[in-house]
Amino acid sequence: DEVIVFDPCYDSYAPSVELAGGRTVHVQLKDGDFAIDWEKLSAALSPRTRMIVINTPHNPSGALITGDELDRLAALIRDRDIYVLSDEVYEHLVFDGLQHASVLAHDELYQRAFVVSSFGKTYHVTGWKTGYLVAPPALTAEARKIHQFVAFCGVTPLQWALADFMAAHPEHVEELPAFYQAKRDYFCDRLEASRFTFTRASGTYFQLVDYSQIRPDLNDVDMSLWMTREHGVASIPISVFYQSPPEGQRLIRLCFPKREETLRLAAEKLCAI
């Protein structure tokens, strides 16, 4: 059985498929805007395709899948025996007045979908590793059979803590977009004076920057090492999110959910490069 993932993608997808005995088929998103390349996706479908994994807002790019794209995906797989796994862990981290298009709100796709989200991302407790899955009853019944032997159960005290916080602070999720956009803008405003080029992320708490004007001689892994060792700013090379990284791509991922002072110091260091 085959599972389609879109590169660049979170690095747990392919190992999870392969540990379950499946084969991962990698389809590259478009350069620049990281949108789905529908021609490549159509070409990747085969009689063995059993699942397509989507991720919105997208890690590492921050790109969003639109409602129109969900419609197009539904039409593409309508007559095929294919499930959708929708990774929506950054669902509340969407900026600039844009809206998150969830598979949960798409009547057709939902009938064949597993939607995954994260209390850790939403409530600033990523170390708690607590999330949830939503799917139609017939699908969750099957998922529970697997979950029992993968995680056995959640951590009950953490679940109670989250439930208490959600009941006490229902406004929290409504405040998240502005909270993180302020951090993105604070960081990016200061980065404008640097030689890095970028388009501000539409979601997540990651910002991609292009360093072509600074050290085009370095691949992104070497650039990340050089920046950490020589300038004290850590980053992630996005080639690690690809099966076959695009030739000549010069992008690294920075993370901006930090204290204002940390963001200011990081921006100063980056502007000095």
Protein backbone atom coordinates (compact mmCIF):
# COMPACT_ATOMS: atom_id res chain seq x y z
CA ASP A 1 0.00 0.00 0.00
CA GLU A 2 1.15 3.55 -0.78
CA VAL A 3 0.74 6.81 1.13
CA ILE A 4 1.29 10.15 -0.60
CA VAL A 5 3.01 12.94 1.33
CA PHE A 6 3.85 16.45 0.14
CA ASP A 7 7.47 17.56 0.35
CA PRO A 8 8.67 19.44 2.28
CA CYS A 9 6.91 17.59 5.09
CA TYR A 10 7.19 16.88 8.78
CA ASP A 11 9.84 14.22 9.20
CA SER A 12 7.68 11.71 11.10
CA TYR A 13 5.30 11.01 8.22
CA ALA A 14 7.42 8.69 6.09
CA PRO A 15 8.88 6.63 8.97
CA SER A 16 5.36 6.11 10.37
CA VAL A 17 4.18 4.79 7.01
CA GLU A 18 7.18 2.54 6.56
CA LEU A 19 7.04 1.13 10.10
CA ALA A 20 3.47 0.07 9.27
CA GLY A 21 4.69 -1.74 6.16
CA GLY A 22 3.60 0.87 3.63
CA ARG A 23 5.47 2.73 0.91
CA THR A 24 5.74 6.51 0.98
CA VAL A 25 5.30 8.39 -2.30
CA HIS A 26 6.73 11.93 -2.15
CA VAL A 27 5.10 14.71 -4.20
CA GLN A 28 6.86 18.08 -4.16
CA LEU A 29 4.88 21.21 -3.48
CA LYS A 30 5.41 24.12 -5.85
CA ASP A 31 8.50 26.24 -5.33
CA GLY A 32 7.85 29.65 -3.85
CA ASP A 33 4.29 29.42 -2.53
CA PHE A 34 4.37 25.74 -1.48
CA ALA A 35 0.98 25.08 -3.07
CA ILE A 36 -0.14 21.63 -4.20
CA ASP A 37 1.06 20.73 -7.69
CA TRP A 38 -2.07 19.02 -8.99
CA GLU A 39 -0.39 17.54 -12.04
CA LYS A 40 2.25 15.86 -9.89
CA LEU A 41 -0.38 14.65 -7.43
CA SER A 42 -2.52 13.15 -10.18
CA ALA A 43 0.52 11.42 -11.66
CA ALA A 44 1.44 9.96 -8.26
CA LEU A 45 -1.92 8.26 -7.73
CA SER A 46 -1.94 4.52 -8.37
CA PRO A 47 -4.18 1.53 -7.64
CA ARG A 48 -2.02 1.04 -4.53
CA THR A 49 -2.66 4.54 -3.11
CA ARG A 50 -4.50 4.18 0.19
CA MET A 51 -3.94 7.53 1.88
CA ILE A 52 -2.94 11.14 1.21
CA VAL A 53 -1.42 13.15 4.05
CA ILE A 54 -2.06 16.89 4.01
CA ASN A 55 -0.81 19.52 6.45
CA THR A 56 -2.36 22.95 6.91
CA PRO A 57 -1.08 25.34 8.15
CA HIS A 58 2.04 23.81 6.69
CA ASN A 59 5.28 23.02 8.48
CA PRO A 60 7.86 24.24 7.49
CA SER A 61 6.52 26.92 5.10
CA GLY A 62 3.48 28.33 6.92
CA ALA A 63 1.38 28.00 3.74
CA LEU A 64 -2.37 27.34 3.96
CA ILE A 65 -4.54 24.95 1.97
CA THR A 66 -7.66 26.77 0.77
CA GLY A 67 -11.26 25.62 0.69
CA ASP A 68 -11.07 25.48 -3.10
CA GLU A 69 -8.08 23.15 -2.86
CA LEU A 70 -10.00 20.86 -0.51
CA ASP A 71 -12.80 20.78 -3.09
CA ARG A 72 -10.30 19.85 -5.76
CA LEU A 73 -8.81 17.11 -3.61
CA ALA A 74 -12.27 15.70 -2.93
CA ALA A 75 -13.04 15.60 -6.65
CA LEU A 76 -9.71 13.93 -7.42
CA ILE A 77 -10.24 11.00 -5.03
CA ARG A 78 -14.05 10.79 -5.18
CA ASP A 79 -14.10 7.49 -7.06
CA ARG A 80 -11.04 5.98 -5.37
CA ASP A 81 -10.58 4.01 -2.18
CA ILE A 82 -8.29 6.60 -0.57
CA TYR A 83 -8.30 8.03 2.94
CA VAL A 84 -7.06 11.47 3.98
CA LEU A 85 -4.95 12.19 7.04
CA SER A 86 -5.14 15.92 7.74
CA ASP A 87 -2.47 17.27 10.08
CA GLU A 88 -3.98 20.49 11.47
CA VAL A 89 -1.89 20.95 14.60
CA TYR A 90 -1.35 24.66 13.81
CA GLU A 91 -5.05 25.27 13.12
CA HIS A 92 -5.28 28.30 15.44
CA LEU A 93 -2.04 29.92 14.25
CA VAL A 94 -3.29 31.70 11.13
CA PHE A 95 -2.42 35.34 10.40
CA ASP A 96 -3.37 38.45 8.44
CA GLY A 97 -7.11 37.81 8.71
CA LEU A 98 -6.87 34.54 6.76
CA GLN A 99 -9.03 31.57 7.71
CA HIS A 100 -8.05 27.97 8.38
CA ALA A 101 -9.85 25.60 6.00
CA SER A 102 -10.36 22.40 8.00
CA VAL A 103 -11.25 19.01 6.61
CA LEU A 104 -13.68 18.83 9.56
CA ALA A 105 -15.79 21.46 7.81
CA HIS A 106 -15.66 19.71 4.42
CA ASP A 107 -18.61 17.32 4.33
CA GLU A 108 -17.27 15.09 1.56
CA LEU A 109 -13.65 14.76 2.67
CA TYR A 110 -14.59 14.29 6.32
CA GLN A 111 -16.30 11.00 5.53
CA ARG A 112 -12.92 9.49 4.63
CA ALA A 113 -10.61 11.53 6.83
CA PHE A 114 -8.64 11.40 10.05
CA VAL A 115 -7.99 14.92 11.37
CA VAL A 116 -5.16 15.34 13.88
CA SER A 117 -4.62 18.36 16.10
CA SER A 118 -2.52 19.30 19.11
CA PHE A 119 -3.34 20.67 22.54
CA GLY A 120 0.40 21.15 22.96
CA LYS A 121 0.62 23.61 20.05
CA THR A 122 -2.60 25.42 20.98
CA TYR A 123 -1.88 25.79 24.70
CA HIS A 124 1.92 26.34 24.67
CA VAL A 125 2.73 22.95 26.22
CA THR A 126 4.36 21.05 23.37
CA GLY A 127 6.37 18.97 25.83
CA TRP A 128 3.15 17.41 27.14
CA LYS A 129 2.70 15.57 23.82
CA THR A 130 -1.08 15.65 24.11
CA GLY A 131 -3.30 15.88 21.06
CA TYR A 132 -6.42 14.44 19.53
CA LEU A 133 -7.85 12.78 16.45
CA VAL A 134 -11.29 13.38 14.94
CA ALA A 135 -12.89 11.08 12.37
CA PRO A 136 -16.24 9.43 11.59
CA PRO A 137 -17.20 6.70 14.11
CA ALA A 138 -16.33 3.81 11.80
CA LEU A 139 -12.80 5.18 11.32
CA THR A 140 -12.15 6.03 14.97
CA ALA A 141 -13.18 2.49 15.89
CA GLU A 142 -10.33 1.20 13.73
CA ALA A 143 -7.91 3.89 14.94
CA ARG A 144 -8.52 2.91 18.57
CA LYS A 145 -7.39 -0.64 17.84
CA ILE A 146 -4.03 0.72 16.72
CA HIS A 147 -3.74 3.49 19.30
CA GLN A 148 -3.98 0.99 22.13
CA PHE A 149 -0.70 -0.59 21.07
CA VAL A 150 1.09 2.59 19.98
CA ALA A 151 0.47 4.86 22.97
CA PHE A 152 -1.83 2.70 25.17
CA CYS A 153 -3.41 5.81 26.68
CA GLY A 154 -2.95 9.51 27.26
CA VAL A 155 -1.55 11.03 30.45
CA THR A 156 -4.66 11.59 32.55
CA PRO A 157 -3.41 14.47 34.79
CA LEU A 158 -2.39 16.44 31.70
CA GLN A 159 -5.81 15.85 30.14
CA TRP A 160 -7.51 17.15 33.29
CA ALA A 161 -5.22 20.19 33.37
CA LEU A 162 -6.03 21.03 29.76
CA ALA A 163 -9.76 20.51 30.30
CA ASP A 164 -9.71 22.83 33.33
CA PHE A 165 -7.79 25.50 31.42
CA MET A 166 -10.12 25.32 28.41
CA ALA A 167 -13.16 25.70 30.65
CA ALA A 168 -11.62 28.63 32.51
CA HIS A 169 -10.23 30.42 29.43
CA PRO A 170 -12.48 29.83 26.40
CA GLU A 171 -11.14 33.05 24.88
CA HIS A 172 -7.62 31.62 24.55
CA VAL A 173 -7.97 30.16 21.05
CA GLU A 174 -9.48 33.39 19.74
CA GLU A 175 -6.48 35.35 20.99
CA LEU A 176 -3.82 33.05 19.51
CA PRO A 177 -3.65 34.49 15.96
CA ALA A 178 -2.95 38.02 17.20
CA PHE A 179 -0.53 36.75 19.85
CA TYR A 180 1.66 34.91 17.36
CA GLN A 181 1.26 37.41 14.53
CA ALA A 182 2.65 40.09 16.83
CA LYS A 183 5.74 37.95 17.37
CA ARG A 184 6.06 37.21 13.65
CA ASP A 185 5.78 40.89 12.79
CA TYR A 186 8.15 42.02 15.54
CA PHE A 187 10.79 39.60 14.26
CA CYS A 188 10.20 40.16 10.53
CA ASP A 189 10.11 43.96 10.88
CA ARG A 190 13.62 43.84 12.29
CA LEU A 191 14.77 41.27 9.76
CA GLU A 192 13.85 43.62 6.89
CA ALA A 193 17.21 45.35 7.41
CA SER A 194 19.10 42.10 6.79
CA ARG A 195 20.25 40.50 3.54
CA PHE A 196 17.85 37.60 4.05
CA THR A 197 14.77 37.64 1.82
CA PHE A 198 11.41 36.22 2.83
CA THR A 199 7.64 36.26 2.49
CA ARG A 200 5.93 36.44 5.86
CA ALA A 201 4.42 33.12 6.92
CA SER A 202 0.63 32.88 6.74
CA GLY A 203 0.51 30.43 9.64
CA THR A 204 2.44 28.28 12.16
CA TYR A 205 5.25 29.78 14.21
CA PHE A 206 7.97 29.26 11.64
CA GLN A 207 9.48 31.72 9.18
CA LEU A 208 11.42 30.63 6.10
CA VAL A 209 14.22 32.91 4.93
CA ASP A 210 16.32 32.77 1.77
CA TYR A 211 20.05 33.33 2.26
CA SER A 212 21.06 33.36 -1.43
CA GLN A 213 22.45 36.89 -1.12
CA ILE A 214 24.63 35.96 1.86
CA ARG A 215 26.28 32.55 1.46
CA PRO A 216 25.12 30.96 -1.82
CA ASP A 217 28.20 28.74 -1.64
CA LEU A 218 26.74 26.85 1.34
CA ASN A 219 23.96 24.28 1.23
CA ASP A 220 21.30 24.74 3.88
CA VAL A 221 22.76 22.19 6.31
CA ASP A 222 26.16 23.89 6.23
CA MET A 223 24.49 27.31 6.45
CA SER A 224 22.60 26.30 9.59
CA LEU A 225 25.80 24.98 11.16
CA TRP A 226 27.73 28.12 10.18
CA MET A 227 25.04 30.43 11.59
CA THR A 228 24.92 28.52 14.87
CA ARG A 229 28.67 28.34 15.34
CA GLU A 230 29.69 31.74 14.01
CA HIS A 231 26.66 33.91 14.80
CA GLY A 232 24.81 32.20 17.63
CA VAL A 233 21.46 31.81 15.87
CA ALA A 234 19.99 28.32 15.44
CA SER A 235 17.90 27.35 12.42
CA ILE A 236 16.66 24.26 10.62
CA PRO A 237 17.71 23.47 7.02
CA ILE A 238 14.55 22.68 5.08
CA SER A 239 16.27 20.07 2.93
CA VAL A 240 15.69 17.67 5.83
CA PHE A 241 11.96 17.90 5.07
CA TYR A 242 12.45 16.59 1.51
CA GLN A 243 13.17 13.19 0.01
CA SER A 244 14.95 14.96 -2.88
CA PRO A 245 15.58 18.65 -2.11
CA PRO A 246 15.33 21.08 -5.06
CA GLU A 247 18.71 21.82 -6.57
CA GLY A 248 20.07 25.18 -5.51
CA GLN A 249 17.41 25.90 -2.90
CA ARG A 250 18.79 28.18 -0.19
CA LEU A 251 16.14 28.24 2.55
CA ILE A 252 16.32 27.81 6.31
CA ARG A 253 13.55 27.77 8.92
CA LEU A 254 13.54 30.10 11.91
CA CYS A 255 11.20 29.83 14.90
CA PHE A 256 9.63 32.99 16.35
CA PRO A 257 7.54 32.01 19.45
CA LYS A 258 10.18 33.54 21.71
CA ARG A 259 10.40 36.38 24.19
CA GLU A 260 10.68 39.82 22.62
CA GLU A 261 14.22 40.26 23.90
CA THR A 262 15.29 36.96 22.31
CA LEU A 263 13.73 37.97 18.98
CA ARG A 264 15.43 41.37 19.10
CA LEU A 265 18.85 39.85 19.77
CA ALA A 266 18.38 37.21 17.08
CA ALA A 267 17.36 39.83 14.52
CA GLU A 268 20.38 41.98 15.41
CA LYS A 269 22.69 39.01 14.88
CA LEU A 270 21.04 38.12 11.58
CA CYS A 271 21.23 41.71 10.34
CA ALA A 272 24.95 41.73 11.11
CA ILE A 273 25.65 38.79 8.79
